[in-house]
Amino acid sequence: MTRYEWFRKRLAPVALIVALAVLAQQTCDRKQAASEQIELRFGTHADEVQHVRADVLVGDTPVAHVERDLVADPSTPVRFPAVVDGERATIMIDMTTTRGPRRVTRTLTPGDVVIVDVGSDLDK
């Protein structure tokens, strides 16, 4: 048996198993550490917001979004999970209000629940 055959039969399967185990461990750690809840608040303008779509981006990569019609019940909190992985993330919120369409962009600060209050932006 040559060295190549010995390596192929004995060490290659072990190396493959170790590589898969490391990959699985890193993937699980990333998903557990990165999941956060994002909550949108509209302040005193909650009755004015009819529709909302929010996209969370890490760099240029979209990682989460929510789209909700708020005409029926404007008091329902708009919450959704996002995987931001501790990196600098931004949220782009498109709203249809009684005064017309609005767009707000904010940088997210990681935490257990990220609250984005766009009430002051709707005041303008």
C-alpha atoms as a PDB file:
ATOM      1  CA  MET A   1       0.000   0.000   0.000  1.00  0.00           C
ATOM      2  CA  THR A   2       1.402   3.377  -1.043  1.00  0.00           C
ATOM      3  CA  ARG A   3       1.292   6.496   1.103  1.00  0.00           C
ATOM      4  CA  TYR A   4      -1.437   7.984  -1.085  1.00  0.00           C
ATOM      5  CA  GLU A   5      -3.655   4.920  -0.700  1.00  0.00           C
ATOM      6  CA  TRP A   6      -3.032   4.864   3.057  1.00  0.00           C
ATOM      7  CA  PHE A   7      -3.973   8.549   3.339  1.00  0.00           C
ATOM      8  CA  ARG A   8      -7.031   8.144   1.131  1.00  0.00           C
ATOM      9  CA  LYS A   9      -8.348   5.159   3.068  1.00  0.00           C
ATOM     10  CA  ARG A  10      -7.431   6.156   6.626  1.00  0.00           C
ATOM     11  CA  LEU A  11      -7.033   9.925   7.051  1.00  0.00           C
ATOM     12  CA  ALA A  12      -9.335  11.407   4.390  1.00  0.00           C
ATOM     13  CA  PRO A  13     -12.568  10.181   6.049  1.00  0.00           C
ATOM     14  CA  VAL A  14     -11.386  11.452   9.440  1.00  0.00           C
ATOM     15  CA  ALA A  15     -10.464  14.845   7.963  1.00  0.00           C
ATOM     16  CA  LEU A  16     -13.893  15.074   6.292  1.00  0.00           C
ATOM     17  CA  ILE A  17     -15.735  14.286   9.546  1.00  0.00           C
ATOM     18  CA  VAL A  18     -13.698  16.862  11.482  1.00  0.00           C
ATOM     19  CA  ALA A  19     -14.354  19.527   8.823  1.00  0.00           C
ATOM     20  CA  LEU A  20     -18.106  18.837   8.847  1.00  0.00           C
ATOM     21  CA  ALA A  21     -18.224  18.967  12.650  1.00  0.00           C
ATOM     22  CA  VAL A  22     -16.445  22.340  12.727  1.00  0.00           C
ATOM     23  CA  LEU A  23     -18.772  23.723  10.047  1.00  0.00           C
ATOM     24  CA  ALA A  24     -21.883  22.535  11.909  1.00  0.00           C
ATOM     25  CA  GLN A  25     -20.653  24.017  15.200  1.00  0.00           C
ATOM     26  CA  GLN A  26     -19.922  27.406  13.627  1.00  0.00           C
ATOM     27  CA  THR A  27     -23.313  27.489  11.907  1.00  0.00           C
ATOM     28  CA  CYS A  28     -25.185  26.685  15.131  1.00  0.00           C
ATOM     29  CA  ASP A  29     -23.239  29.281  17.143  1.00  0.00           C
ATOM     30  CA  ARG A  30     -23.950  31.940  14.554  1.00  0.00           C
ATOM     31  CA  LYS A  31     -27.707  31.286  14.514  1.00  0.00           C
ATOM     32  CA  GLN A  32     -28.008  31.214  18.315  1.00  0.00           C
ATOM     33  CA  ALA A  33     -26.018  34.371  18.951  1.00  0.00           C
ATOM     34  CA  ALA A  34     -27.443  36.466  16.162  1.00  0.00           C
ATOM     35  CA  SER A  35     -31.214  36.199  16.439  1.00  0.00           C
ATOM     36  CA  GLU A  36     -32.827  39.421  17.596  1.00  0.00           C
ATOM     37  CA  GLN A  37     -36.355  40.793  17.679  1.00  0.00           C
ATOM     38  CA  ILE A  38     -37.030  44.074  15.917  1.00  0.00           C
ATOM     39  CA  GLU A  39     -40.033  46.144  16.916  1.00  0.00           C
ATOM     40  CA  LEU A  40     -41.306  49.146  14.977  1.00  0.00           C
ATOM     41  CA  ARG A  41     -43.084  51.909  16.870  1.00  0.00           C
ATOM     42  CA  PHE A  42     -44.887  54.835  15.310  1.00  0.00           C
ATOM     43  CA  GLY A  43     -45.447  57.074  18.336  1.00  0.00           C
ATOM     44  CA  THR A  44     -48.534  59.264  18.158  1.00  0.00           C
ATOM     45  CA  HIS A  45     -48.800  58.548  14.410  1.00  0.00           C
ATOM     46  CA  ALA A  46     -49.841  54.893  14.744  1.00  0.00           C
ATOM     47  CA  ASP A  47     -53.340  55.673  13.422  1.00  0.00           C
ATOM     48  CA  GLU A  48     -51.874  57.346  10.316  1.00  0.00           C
ATOM     49  CA  VAL A  49     -49.746  54.374   9.175  1.00  0.00           C
ATOM     50  CA  GLN A  50     -51.717  52.166   6.802  1.00  0.00           C
ATOM     51  CA  HIS A  51     -49.007  49.850   5.448  1.00  0.00           C
ATOM     52  CA  VAL A  52     -45.402  49.176   6.375  1.00  0.00           C
ATOM     53  CA  ARG A  53     -42.524  47.259   4.817  1.00  0.00           C
ATOM     54  CA  ALA A  54     -39.194  47.035   6.592  1.00  0.00           C
ATOM     55  CA  ASP A  55     -35.984  45.497   5.251  1.00  0.00           C
ATOM     56  CA  VAL A  56     -32.935  44.771   7.415  1.00  0.00           C
ATOM     57  CA  LEU A  57     -29.614  44.871   5.575  1.00  0.00           C
ATOM     58  CA  VAL A  58     -26.138  43.862   6.716  1.00  0.00           C
ATOM     59  CA  GLY A  59     -23.928  45.623   4.218  1.00  0.00           C
ATOM     60  CA  ASP A  60     -25.829  45.144   0.967  1.00  0.00           C
ATOM     61  CA  THR A  61     -27.224  41.735   1.950  1.00  0.00           C
ATOM     62  CA  PRO A  62     -30.870  41.526   3.057  1.00  0.00           C
ATOM     63  CA  VAL A  63     -31.206  39.428   6.230  1.00  0.00           C
ATOM     64  CA  ALA A  64     -34.854  39.998   7.225  1.00  0.00           C
ATOM     65  CA  HIS A  65     -38.024  41.782   6.211  1.00  0.00           C
ATOM     66  CA  VAL A  66     -41.616  42.294   7.261  1.00  0.00           C
ATOM     67  CA  GLU A  67     -44.585  43.630   5.354  1.00  0.00           C
ATOM     68  CA  ARG A  68     -47.843  44.355   7.125  1.00  0.00           C
ATOM     69  CA  ASP A  69     -51.137  46.093   6.461  1.00  0.00           C
ATOM     70  CA  LEU A  70     -52.118  48.169   9.519  1.00  0.00           C
ATOM     71  CA  VAL A  71     -55.498  49.532   8.419  1.00  0.00           C
ATOM     72  CA  ALA A  72     -57.525  46.935  10.355  1.00  0.00           C
ATOM     73  CA  ASP A  73     -55.632  47.206  13.663  1.00  0.00           C
ATOM     74  CA  PRO A  74     -53.019  49.980  13.938  1.00  0.00           C
ATOM     75  CA  SER A  75     -52.325  49.170  17.599  1.00  0.00           C
ATOM     76  CA  THR A  76     -50.823  45.735  16.806  1.00  0.00           C
ATOM     77  CA  PRO A  77     -47.051  45.842  17.384  1.00  0.00           C
ATOM     78  CA  VAL A  78     -44.934  45.226  14.295  1.00  0.00           C
ATOM     79  CA  ARG A  79     -42.300  42.689  15.441  1.00  0.00           C
ATOM     80  CA  PHE A  80     -40.112  40.342  13.456  1.00  0.00           C
ATOM     81  CA  PRO A  81     -36.896  38.341  13.950  1.00  0.00           C
ATOM     82  CA  ALA A  82     -33.637  39.322  12.269  1.00  0.00           C
ATOM     83  CA  VAL A  83     -30.177  37.783  12.133  1.00  0.00           C
ATOM     84  CA  VAL A  84     -27.751  40.702  12.313  1.00  0.00           C
ATOM     85  CA  ASP A  85     -24.758  38.768  13.711  1.00  0.00           C
ATOM     86  CA  GLY A  86     -23.324  41.703  15.653  1.00  0.00           C
ATOM     87  CA  GLU A  87     -22.381  43.462  12.434  1.00  0.00           C
ATOM     88  CA  ARG A  88     -23.430  46.940  11.449  1.00  0.00           C
ATOM     89  CA  ALA A  89     -26.969  46.604  10.153  1.00  0.00           C
ATOM     90  CA  THR A  90     -29.434  49.103   8.752  1.00  0.00           C
ATOM     91  CA  ILE A  91     -33.182  49.036   8.509  1.00  0.00           C
ATOM     92  CA  MET A  92     -35.071  50.654   5.649  1.00  0.00           C
ATOM     93  CA  ILE A  93     -38.746  51.288   6.443  1.00  0.00           C
ATOM     94  CA  ASP A  94     -41.243  52.166   3.711  1.00  0.00           C
ATOM     95  CA  MET A  95     -44.611  53.363   5.010  1.00  0.00           C
ATOM     96  CA  THR A  96     -47.873  54.348   3.415  1.00  0.00           C
ATOM     97  CA  THR A  97     -49.529  56.939   5.629  1.00  0.00           C
ATOM     98  CA  THR A  98     -52.613  59.098   5.382  1.00  0.00           C
ATOM     99  CA  ARG A  99     -50.236  61.934   4.383  1.00  0.00           C
ATOM    100  CA  GLY A 100     -48.528  59.893   1.639  1.00  0.00           C
ATOM    101  CA  PRO A 101     -45.546  57.545   1.320  1.00  0.00           C
ATOM    102  CA  ARG A 102     -42.581  57.892   3.701  1.00  0.00           C
ATOM    103  CA  ARG A 103     -39.164  56.218   3.866  1.00  0.00           C
ATOM    104  CA  VAL A 104     -36.963  56.071   6.960  1.00  0.00           C
ATOM    105  CA  THR A 105     -33.477  54.525   7.161  1.00  0.00           C
ATOM    106  CA  ARG A 106     -31.755  53.843  10.491  1.00  0.00           C
ATOM    107  CA  THR A 107     -28.655  52.057  11.774  1.00  0.00           C
ATOM    108  CA  LEU A 108     -29.485  49.250  14.207  1.00  0.00           C
ATOM    109  CA  THR A 109     -27.794  48.842  17.558  1.00  0.00           C
ATOM    110  CA  PRO A 110     -27.678  45.153  18.557  1.00  0.00           C
ATOM    111  CA  GLY A 111     -29.659  44.071  21.607  1.00  0.00           C
ATOM    112  CA  ASP A 112     -32.216  41.471  22.675  1.00  0.00           C
ATOM    113  CA  VAL A 113     -35.070  43.588  21.300  1.00  0.00           C
ATOM    114  CA  VAL A 114     -34.259  46.394  18.904  1.00  0.00           C
ATOM    115  CA  ILE A 115     -36.886  49.127  19.068  1.00  0.00           C
ATOM    116  CA  VAL A 116     -37.092  51.484  16.104  1.00  0.00           C
ATOM    117  CA  ASP A 117     -39.319  54.448  16.937  1.00  0.00           C
ATOM    118  CA  VAL A 118     -40.114  56.353  13.749  1.00  0.00           C
ATOM    119  CA  GLY A 119     -42.618  58.712  15.383  1.00  0.00           C
ATOM    120  CA  SER A 120     -40.241  61.668  15.250  1.00  0.00           C
ATOM    121  CA  ASP A 121     -39.629  61.048  11.538  1.00  0.00           C
ATOM    122  CA  LEU A 122     -43.371  61.103  10.906  1.00  0.00           C
ATOM    123  CA  ASP A 123     -43.601  64.473  12.697  1.00  0.00           C
ATOM    124  CA  LYS A 124     -41.629  66.123   9.889  1.00  0.00           C
END
